[in-house]
Amino acid sequence: MAERHPCRRRARQYPQYPQGSTPDLPPLQVALSQRAAETLGARLGSVLKSKPLFDGTPSVEVVGLFTVPDETDDFWVGLDCITRACARYIGENLTWDVDALIGGGDLERIDTWGRASENFWRLPVEVDRLRADRLDATREEVAAYVAGPTAATLARETGRQRLRTISWLPELFEQARARRQAAAPLAAIGPAGVAGVAFVVLCLAGALAGDRRDAELRLLLARGGSRAGIVGRLLGEGAVTVLPAAAAATALAVLLLPTPRLAPALLSAAVVALFALLAFPVRAAVLLSPPRPAARWRRPVAELLVLAATAAAVLEVRRRGVAPAGSDPDPLLIAAPLLLALCGALLLARVQPVLTGWLARAAARRSGLVGFLGLARAARGSGRAGRTPAAGPVPPSCRPSRCSSPSPPGVRGRRPAVGGFEPADGRPADGRG
């Protein structure tokens, strides 16, 4: 018993199995905890007698003492009176309730204390095998043992009609479900934000690559290449680098952070690899598509829809909170931080050309070329629809002039100017000043 249960024998022995029965049965051999024996004043060899309830109520002999190093161990949960004596008042009289360990051969003699004795088995729970993603299935399975078809099957197959299962697991599962339900929205905000940022980064990378290779793609299209063929070629180029990198990153993540739930990890890796692979080809397909008449109402309508969704999300968060009690995660509440960031980006996209235009006009009043041209280029934007004239007048000191050289001897007339620009002061550029 000392090897199977978390307790230590302090003196003598544990109760032994009787080898037979005699007319005068000896007292029951029991082992008490050290603390309970001190409370009762019992020592090794003490014989304890109780008030007889029926004929032949046996006495007990203390043949061993033990101590429990850790009373919080799972084995002793719910067995408070075995590790120490429990005080109980009957009216004004104080009594002590003590549980003891006995040998397996004396189980039948326990019935002499009453007619309501029951055999019971304590089944430990393997906590390491419980998983949060299988909480609902585990709760249903345990409920079937407590009060369900499995309980009826056990009673029928064992021949014990009064067999029943008592467990605190259903209550603990309900508490775990409530906690997980309350924490689910907060736990989903982080992955949602990371996914949104990753999507924006991949889209920006595709847009930058498309702008950098715009001339090359248009040249391929002008030389007889089809848009589908060009997009397929870009998909092949991306697959050479994206697919091995995605496979290596997924394998490294699984090795460094092992998890029994591989399906979500593999699905996330596949989605990221797909976006990384399609970002540039999709941008190239848009750039090579035939020009269509610009619809001025599309962008304002899209921005208004984003603004309306953000306002609704903010109002719901202020009214209900991010994690309303007793409700499933709401995608609108989870996406509230991401929608706020998107609104900020749209506002910046609207304000940035105006601010850079003001700065370009201010730089036009100063001497120098780099600052003005950079601000003017930023004010125009990078899209085909945004190629408008530079904001503000060009400063006189930055206006290009025609370059010329003196005519050789014997040659009359002026040499053609380089670039075809006239000097800023309007004088002929014939090399004579």
Protein backbone atom coordinates (compact mmCIF):
# COMPACT_ATOMS: atom_id res chain seq x y z
CA MET A 1 0.00 0.00 0.00
CA ALA A 2 2.88 2.36 0.69
CA GLU A 3 4.12 1.79 -2.84
CA ARG A 4 0.75 2.46 -4.48
CA HIS A 5 -0.51 5.35 -2.39
CA PRO A 6 1.25 8.63 -1.48
CA CYS A 7 1.72 7.95 2.24
CA ARG A 8 4.55 6.80 4.53
CA ARG A 9 4.42 4.12 7.19
CA ARG A 10 5.59 5.43 10.52
CA ALA A 11 5.43 2.34 12.76
CA ARG A 12 4.53 -1.36 12.88
CA GLN A 13 2.63 -2.63 9.87
CA TYR A 14 -0.39 -2.23 7.68
CA PRO A 15 -3.48 -4.36 8.29
CA GLN A 16 -2.99 -7.97 7.20
CA TYR A 17 -5.42 -10.27 5.44
CA PRO A 18 -6.86 -12.88 7.86
CA GLN A 19 -6.09 -16.45 6.86
CA GLY A 20 -9.36 -17.83 8.09
CA SER A 21 -12.34 -17.30 10.31
CA THR A 22 -12.79 -18.39 13.91
CA PRO A 23 -15.83 -18.29 16.17
CA ASP A 24 -14.38 -15.38 18.06
CA LEU A 25 -13.10 -13.04 15.42
CA PRO A 26 -10.24 -10.77 16.50
CA PRO A 27 -10.57 -6.99 16.32
CA LEU A 28 -10.29 -5.39 12.94
CA GLN A 29 -6.74 -4.35 12.18
CA VAL A 30 -6.60 -0.75 11.04
CA ALA A 31 -3.96 1.85 10.28
CA LEU A 32 -4.55 5.46 11.35
CA SER A 33 -2.88 8.63 10.29
CA GLN A 34 -0.45 10.10 12.79
CA ARG A 35 -2.55 13.25 13.25
CA ALA A 36 -5.79 11.30 13.79
CA ALA A 37 -4.14 8.99 16.33
CA GLU A 38 -2.81 11.97 18.28
CA THR A 39 -6.30 13.53 18.35
CA LEU A 40 -7.89 10.31 19.63
CA GLY A 41 -5.02 9.55 21.99
CA ALA A 42 -4.47 6.17 20.33
CA ARG A 43 -1.15 4.38 20.13
CA LEU A 44 0.11 1.24 18.52
CA GLY A 45 -1.76 -1.73 20.00
CA SER A 46 -4.69 0.36 21.22
CA VAL A 47 -8.07 -1.31 20.87
CA LEU A 48 -10.88 1.10 20.08
CA LYS A 49 -14.46 0.17 20.77
CA SER A 50 -17.54 1.85 19.39
CA LYS A 51 -21.12 1.90 20.50
CA PRO A 52 -22.66 -1.30 19.14
CA LEU A 53 -25.28 -0.68 16.47
CA PHE A 54 -25.99 -4.36 15.80
CA ASP A 55 -25.03 -7.63 17.36
CA GLY A 56 -21.41 -8.45 16.91
CA THR A 57 -20.10 -4.98 16.18
CA PRO A 58 -16.34 -5.56 16.15
CA SER A 59 -13.69 -3.47 17.82
CA VAL A 60 -10.62 -2.18 15.99
CA GLU A 61 -6.95 -2.52 16.86
CA VAL A 62 -4.43 0.10 15.77
CA VAL A 63 -1.61 -1.87 14.18
CA GLY A 64 0.03 0.89 12.12
CA LEU A 65 0.46 4.62 11.75
CA PHE A 66 1.16 6.60 8.60
CA THR A 67 1.67 10.19 7.56
CA VAL A 68 0.63 11.97 4.41
CA PRO A 69 3.41 14.20 3.02
CA ASP A 70 1.09 16.11 0.68
CA GLU A 71 -2.57 16.29 1.62
CA THR A 72 -3.35 18.19 -1.61
CA ASP A 73 -2.44 15.15 -3.71
CA ASP A 74 -5.24 13.96 -5.99
CA PHE A 75 -5.47 10.65 -4.13
CA TRP A 76 -6.59 12.33 -0.88
CA VAL A 77 -9.10 14.78 -2.39
CA GLY A 78 -12.45 14.31 -0.64
CA LEU A 79 -10.92 12.10 2.10
CA ASP A 80 -10.35 14.74 4.76
CA CYS A 81 -11.15 12.49 7.72
CA ILE A 82 -8.49 9.94 6.81
CA THR A 83 -5.56 12.35 7.05
CA ARG A 84 -6.83 13.97 10.26
CA ALA A 85 -9.72 13.64 12.69
CA CYS A 86 -12.84 15.63 11.80
CA ALA A 87 -14.74 17.38 14.58
CA ARG A 88 -18.54 16.99 14.60
CA TYR A 89 -21.07 18.26 17.12
CA ILE A 90 -24.21 16.32 18.01
CA GLY A 91 -26.13 18.83 20.01
CA GLU A 92 -23.61 20.01 22.59
CA ASN A 93 -21.50 16.87 22.44
CA LEU A 94 -18.27 16.85 20.47
CA THR A 95 -17.46 13.73 18.52
CA TRP A 96 -14.54 12.84 16.28
CA ASP A 97 -14.95 11.15 12.91
CA VAL A 98 -11.90 9.20 11.75
CA ASP A 99 -11.42 7.08 8.63
CA ALA A 100 -8.89 4.25 8.70
CA LEU A 101 -7.21 1.82 6.31
CA ILE A 102 -8.09 -1.86 6.66
CA GLY A 103 -7.08 -5.03 4.90
CA GLY A 104 -9.01 -6.33 1.93
CA GLY A 105 -10.05 -9.51 3.76
CA ASP A 106 -12.00 -7.54 6.37
CA LEU A 107 -14.29 -5.77 3.94
CA GLU A 108 -17.21 -8.11 4.63
CA ARG A 109 -17.01 -7.44 8.38
CA ILE A 110 -17.62 -3.72 7.78
CA ASP A 111 -21.32 -4.53 7.30
CA THR A 112 -21.61 -5.16 11.03
CA TRP A 113 -21.46 -1.39 11.64
CA GLY A 114 -24.63 -0.83 9.67
CA ARG A 115 -26.77 -1.87 6.75
CA ALA A 116 -25.88 1.06 4.48
CA SER A 117 -22.24 0.27 3.75
CA GLU A 118 -21.20 0.52 0.11
CA ASN A 119 -18.17 -0.51 -1.88
CA PHE A 120 -16.59 2.27 -3.88
CA TRP A 121 -13.72 2.69 -6.28
CA ARG A 122 -11.72 5.87 -6.78
CA LEU A 123 -10.67 6.26 -10.42
CA PRO A 124 -7.93 8.86 -10.93
CA VAL A 125 -8.12 11.19 -13.90
CA GLU A 126 -5.21 11.38 -16.34
CA VAL A 127 -5.03 15.16 -16.54
CA ASP A 128 -2.28 15.09 -19.16
CA ARG A 129 -4.64 13.52 -21.68
CA LEU A 130 -7.34 16.17 -21.32
CA ARG A 131 -7.31 18.63 -24.23
CA ALA A 132 -9.15 21.91 -24.58
CA ASP A 133 -10.19 21.23 -28.17
CA ARG A 134 -11.93 18.01 -27.05
CA LEU A 135 -13.64 19.51 -24.03
CA ASP A 136 -17.18 19.17 -25.37
CA ALA A 137 -16.70 15.54 -26.42
CA THR A 138 -15.08 14.63 -23.10
CA ARG A 139 -17.88 16.33 -21.17
CA GLU A 140 -20.51 14.34 -23.06
CA GLU A 141 -18.63 11.09 -22.48
CA VAL A 142 -18.29 11.68 -18.73
CA ALA A 143 -21.95 12.71 -18.51
CA ALA A 144 -22.89 9.35 -20.05
CA TYR A 145 -21.07 7.60 -17.18
CA VAL A 146 -22.72 9.75 -14.51
CA ALA A 147 -26.31 9.61 -15.79
CA GLY A 148 -26.72 8.21 -19.25
CA PRO A 149 -26.63 5.12 -21.42
CA THR A 150 -23.12 4.14 -20.31
CA ALA A 151 -24.20 4.11 -16.64
CA ALA A 152 -27.15 1.83 -17.46
CA THR A 153 -24.90 -0.49 -19.46
CA LEU A 154 -22.40 -0.78 -16.59
CA ALA A 155 -25.14 -1.60 -14.09
CA ARG A 156 -26.59 -4.28 -16.38
CA GLU A 157 -23.29 -5.91 -17.30
CA THR A 158 -21.88 -5.98 -13.74
CA GLY A 159 -25.11 -7.16 -12.16
CA ARG A 160 -25.02 -4.27 -9.67
CA GLN A 161 -28.28 -2.44 -10.11
CA ARG A 162 -27.31 0.22 -7.57
CA LEU A 163 -23.98 0.93 -9.28
CA ARG A 164 -23.58 4.63 -9.88
CA THR A 165 -20.82 7.06 -10.78
CA ILE A 166 -20.22 10.25 -8.82
CA SER A 167 -17.85 12.79 -10.32
CA TRP A 168 -17.06 16.49 -10.05
CA LEU A 169 -15.80 16.55 -13.62
CA PRO A 170 -19.07 17.85 -15.16
CA GLU A 171 -18.96 20.92 -12.91
CA LEU A 172 -15.27 21.46 -13.64
CA PHE A 173 -15.91 21.08 -17.38
CA GLU A 174 -18.67 23.66 -17.18
CA GLN A 175 -16.34 26.11 -15.43
CA ALA A 176 -13.65 25.47 -18.03
CA ARG A 177 -16.15 26.02 -20.84
CA ALA A 178 -17.30 29.32 -19.33
CA ARG A 179 -13.70 30.52 -18.92
CA ARG A 180 -12.76 29.50 -22.43
CA GLN A 181 -15.85 31.19 -23.82
CA ALA A 182 -14.99 34.40 -21.98
CA ALA A 183 -11.36 34.34 -23.12
CA ALA A 184 -12.02 33.28 -26.73
CA PRO A 185 -12.60 36.81 -28.12
CA LEU A 186 -9.50 38.16 -26.39
CA ALA A 187 -7.46 35.24 -27.68
CA ALA A 188 -8.77 35.77 -31.22
CA ILE A 189 -7.93 39.49 -31.39
CA GLY A 190 -4.19 38.82 -31.56
CA PRO A 191 -4.28 36.30 -34.43
CA ALA A 192 -6.79 38.46 -36.29
CA GLY A 193 -4.51 41.49 -36.01
CA VAL A 194 -1.46 39.51 -37.08
CA ALA A 195 -3.37 38.07 -40.05
CA GLY A 196 -4.51 41.55 -41.10
CA VAL A 197 -1.01 43.01 -40.89
CA ALA A 198 0.44 40.04 -42.79
CA PHE A 199 -2.19 40.46 -45.51
CA VAL A 200 -1.36 44.16 -45.89
CA VAL A 201 2.39 43.45 -46.00
CA LEU A 202 1.96 40.79 -48.70
CA CYS A 203 -0.27 43.10 -50.74
CA LEU A 204 2.26 45.93 -50.47
CA ALA A 205 5.06 43.58 -51.49
CA GLY A 206 3.06 42.50 -54.54
CA ALA A 207 2.27 46.10 -55.47
CA LEU A 208 5.91 47.20 -55.16
CA ALA A 209 7.10 44.24 -57.24
CA GLY A 210 4.47 45.02 -59.87
CA ASP A 211 5.49 48.67 -60.11
CA ARG A 212 9.17 47.75 -60.30
CA ARG A 213 8.61 45.30 -63.15
CA ASP A 214 5.87 47.24 -64.89
CA ALA A 215 7.98 48.07 -67.95
CA GLU A 216 9.16 44.46 -68.27
CA LEU A 217 5.64 43.08 -68.09
CA ARG A 218 4.31 45.53 -70.65
CA LEU A 219 7.19 44.70 -72.97
CA LEU A 220 6.35 41.01 -72.76
CA LEU A 221 2.72 41.81 -73.50
CA ALA A 222 3.68 44.02 -76.46
CA ARG A 223 5.86 41.28 -77.98
CA GLY A 224 2.93 38.90 -78.25
CA GLY A 225 2.70 37.40 -74.78
CA SER A 226 -0.76 36.73 -73.39
CA ARG A 227 -1.84 37.94 -70.00
CA ALA A 228 -2.58 34.37 -68.86
CA GLY A 229 0.86 33.21 -70.00
CA ILE A 230 2.62 36.05 -68.19
CA VAL A 231 0.65 35.39 -65.00
CA GLY A 232 1.47 31.67 -65.22
CA ARG A 233 5.15 32.47 -65.62
CA LEU A 234 5.05 34.70 -62.55
CA LEU A 235 3.32 31.92 -60.60
CA GLY A 236 6.14 29.56 -61.54
CA GLU A 237 8.76 32.10 -60.50
CA GLY A 238 7.05 32.59 -57.15
CA ALA A 239 6.58 28.86 -56.55
CA VAL A 240 10.34 28.29 -56.80
CA THR A 241 10.96 30.47 -53.74
CA VAL A 242 7.65 30.53 -51.83
CA LEU A 243 6.85 26.82 -51.61
CA PRO A 244 10.24 25.62 -50.25
CA ALA A 245 10.32 28.52 -47.78
CA ALA A 246 6.77 27.75 -46.60
CA ALA A 247 7.54 24.04 -46.20
CA ALA A 248 10.75 24.76 -44.25
CA ALA A 249 9.02 27.30 -42.00
CA THR A 250 6.12 24.92 -41.29
CA ALA A 251 8.45 22.03 -40.45
CA LEU A 252 10.52 24.26 -38.18
CA ALA A 253 7.41 25.52 -36.36
CA VAL A 254 6.12 21.96 -35.81
CA LEU A 255 9.49 20.81 -34.49
CA LEU A 256 10.06 23.77 -32.17
CA LEU A 257 6.43 24.09 -30.99
CA PRO A 258 4.91 20.59 -31.12
CA THR A 259 1.14 20.46 -30.75
CA PRO A 260 -1.41 17.64 -30.98
CA ARG A 261 -3.56 19.84 -33.23
CA LEU A 262 -1.64 19.93 -36.51
CA ALA A 263 -4.61 20.75 -38.74
CA PRO A 264 -4.93 24.46 -37.72
CA ALA A 265 -1.16 24.98 -38.00
CA LEU A 266 -0.96 23.38 -41.45
CA LEU A 267 -4.03 25.28 -42.63
CA SER A 268 -2.56 28.61 -41.49
CA ALA A 269 0.75 27.85 -43.19
CA ALA A 270 -1.04 26.93 -46.42
CA VAL A 271 -3.07 30.16 -46.38
CA VAL A 272 0.04 32.31 -45.83
CA ALA A 273 1.91 30.50 -48.61
CA LEU A 274 -1.05 30.95 -50.96
CA PHE A 275 -1.24 34.69 -50.31
CA ALA A 276 2.51 35.09 -50.73
CA LEU A 277 2.36 33.17 -53.99
CA LEU A 278 -0.62 35.04 -55.48
CA ALA A 279 0.13 38.62 -54.39
CA PHE A 280 2.48 39.52 -57.25
CA PRO A 281 0.68 37.59 -60.06
CA VAL A 282 -2.65 39.16 -59.14
CA ARG A 283 -1.09 42.62 -59.16
CA ALA A 284 0.49 41.88 -62.54
CA ALA A 285 -2.87 40.71 -63.92
CA VAL A 286 -4.44 43.99 -62.79
CA LEU A 287 -1.65 46.05 -64.37
CA LEU A 288 -1.90 44.19 -67.68
CA SER A 289 -5.69 44.29 -67.85
CA PRO A 290 -7.22 46.62 -70.48
CA PRO A 291 -7.92 50.10 -69.14
CA ARG A 292 -11.48 50.71 -68.08
CA PRO A 293 -13.27 53.96 -67.49
CA ALA A 294 -12.63 55.08 -63.95
CA ALA A 295 -15.62 54.94 -61.64
CA ARG A 296 -15.30 57.80 -59.18
CA TRP A 297 -17.92 56.37 -56.86
CA ARG A 298 -16.20 53.06 -56.04
CA ARG A 299 -13.57 54.33 -53.64
CA PRO A 300 -15.89 56.65 -51.67
CA VAL A 301 -18.49 53.89 -51.34
CA ALA A 302 -15.88 51.39 -50.13
CA GLU A 303 -14.52 53.89 -47.61
CA LEU A 304 -18.02 54.65 -46.35
CA LEU A 305 -18.70 50.95 -45.88
CA VAL A 306 -15.48 50.55 -43.88
CA LEU A 307 -16.35 53.61 -41.81
CA ALA A 308 -19.85 52.27 -41.09
CA ALA A 309 -18.49 48.85 -40.06
CA THR A 310 -15.92 50.49 -37.79
CA ALA A 311 -18.54 52.70 -36.15
CA ALA A 312 -20.79 49.69 -35.54
CA ALA A 313 -17.90 47.69 -34.06
CA VAL A 314 -16.88 50.53 -31.74
CA LEU A 315 -20.46 51.03 -30.54
CA GLU A 316 -20.88 47.30 -29.88
CA VAL A 317 -17.60 47.16 -27.96
CA ARG A 318 -18.66 50.10 -25.80
CA ARG A 319 -22.10 48.60 -25.21
CA ARG A 320 -21.28 44.90 -24.77
CA GLY A 321 -17.53 44.73 -24.29
CA VAL A 322 -15.08 42.64 -26.25
CA ALA A 323 -16.11 39.37 -24.53
CA PRO A 324 -19.84 39.38 -23.62
CA ALA A 325 -20.64 36.79 -20.95
CA GLY A 326 -22.45 33.71 -22.18
CA SER A 327 -22.08 34.40 -25.91
CA ASP A 328 -19.91 33.04 -28.69
CA PRO A 329 -17.12 35.16 -30.22
CA ASP A 330 -18.50 37.91 -32.45
CA PRO A 331 -16.41 38.50 -35.59
CA LEU A 332 -17.38 42.18 -35.61
CA LEU A 333 -16.06 42.70 -32.08
CA ILE A 334 -12.89 40.74 -32.81
CA ALA A 335 -12.22 42.82 -35.93
CA ALA A 336 -12.76 46.16 -34.15
CA PRO A 337 -9.01 46.93 -33.65
CA LEU A 338 -8.27 45.93 -37.24
CA LEU A 339 -11.11 48.12 -38.56
CA LEU A 340 -9.82 51.08 -36.55
CA ALA A 341 -6.37 50.61 -38.06
CA LEU A 342 -7.90 50.39 -41.53
CA CYS A 343 -9.81 53.63 -40.99
CA GLY A 344 -6.61 55.32 -39.88
CA ALA A 345 -4.84 54.10 -43.01
CA LEU A 346 -7.65 55.37 -45.26
CA LEU A 347 -7.59 58.73 -43.51
CA LEU A 348 -3.84 58.94 -43.98
CA ALA A 349 -4.22 58.08 -47.67
CA ARG A 350 -6.68 60.96 -48.03
CA VAL A 351 -4.65 63.48 -46.05
CA GLN A 352 -1.13 62.59 -47.27
CA PRO A 353 -1.43 64.09 -50.80
CA VAL A 354 -2.83 67.35 -49.41
CA LEU A 355 -0.07 67.68 -46.83
CA THR A 356 2.69 66.84 -49.29
CA GLY A 357 1.17 69.33 -51.77
CA TRP A 358 1.38 72.07 -49.16
CA LEU A 359 4.97 71.11 -48.41
CA ALA A 360 5.82 71.07 -52.14
CA ARG A 361 4.44 74.58 -52.62
CA ALA A 362 6.44 75.72 -49.62
CA ALA A 363 9.58 74.10 -51.03
CA ALA A 364 8.96 75.78 -54.41
CA ARG A 365 9.73 79.14 -52.84
CA ARG A 366 13.19 77.96 -51.84
CA SER A 367 16.26 77.29 -53.95
CA GLY A 368 17.11 73.66 -54.57
CA LEU A 369 15.75 70.84 -56.65
CA VAL A 370 15.77 67.61 -54.63
CA GLY A 371 13.26 68.56 -51.94
CA PHE A 372 10.76 70.06 -54.35
CA LEU A 373 10.85 67.16 -56.83
CA GLY A 374 10.57 64.58 -54.08
CA LEU A 375 7.55 66.26 -52.49
CA ALA A 376 5.93 66.82 -55.87
CA ARG A 377 6.40 63.16 -56.75
CA ALA A 378 4.91 62.08 -53.43
CA ALA A 379 1.95 64.41 -53.96
CA ARG A 380 1.20 62.90 -57.38
CA GLY A 381 1.19 59.31 -56.15
CA SER A 382 2.37 56.17 -57.93
CA GLY A 383 -0.79 55.04 -59.72
CA ARG A 384 -1.70 55.72 -63.31
CA ALA A 385 -4.78 57.64 -62.24
CA GLY A 386 -2.73 59.80 -59.91
CA ARG A 387 -0.25 61.20 -62.45
CA THR A 388 -1.31 64.82 -62.21
CA PRO A 389 0.86 67.90 -62.75
CA ALA A 390 3.24 68.73 -59.96
CA ALA A 391 1.76 70.79 -57.21
CA GLY A 392 2.92 74.41 -57.19
CA PRO A 393 4.95 76.43 -59.69
CA VAL A 394 8.47 75.42 -60.56
CA PRO A 395 10.99 77.79 -58.94
CA PRO A 396 12.99 79.86 -61.42
CA SER A 397 16.28 78.50 -60.16
CA CYS A 398 15.13 74.95 -61.00
CA ARG A 399 13.91 75.52 -64.57
CA PRO A 400 15.98 73.58 -67.14
CA SER A 401 17.70 75.54 -69.91
CA ARG A 402 19.02 74.61 -73.33
CA CYS A 403 22.68 73.65 -73.54
CA SER A 404 24.67 74.79 -76.61
CA SER A 405 28.23 75.26 -77.79
CA PRO A 406 29.92 77.71 -80.24
CA SER A 407 29.70 76.83 -83.93
CA PRO A 408 32.91 75.62 -85.56
CA PRO A 409 34.74 78.03 -87.89
CA GLY A 410 33.16 78.22 -91.32
CA VAL A 411 29.74 76.93 -90.15
CA ARG A 412 26.98 79.45 -90.04
CA GLY A 413 23.84 79.13 -87.97
CA ARG A 414 23.14 77.73 -84.56
CA ARG A 415 23.56 74.14 -83.35
CA PRO A 416 20.35 72.46 -82.26
CA ALA A 417 19.80 72.74 -78.55
CA VAL A 418 20.03 69.65 -76.34
CA GLY A 419 16.66 68.75 -74.97
CA GLY A 420 14.80 71.52 -76.82
CA PHE A 421 14.44 73.76 -73.74
CA GLU A 422 14.72 77.52 -73.88
CA PRO A 423 16.74 79.43 -71.32
CA ALA A 424 14.86 80.83 -68.42
CA ASP A 425 15.68 84.44 -69.41
CA GLY A 426 14.49 83.99 -73.03
CA ARG A 427 17.82 84.90 -74.67
CA PRO A 428 19.05 82.86 -77.67
CA ALA A 429 21.39 80.04 -76.72
CA ASP A 430 23.94 80.49 -79.50
CA GLY A 431 26.96 80.28 -77.33
CA ARG A 432 27.57 84.00 -77.33
CA GLY A 433 26.17 84.54 -73.88
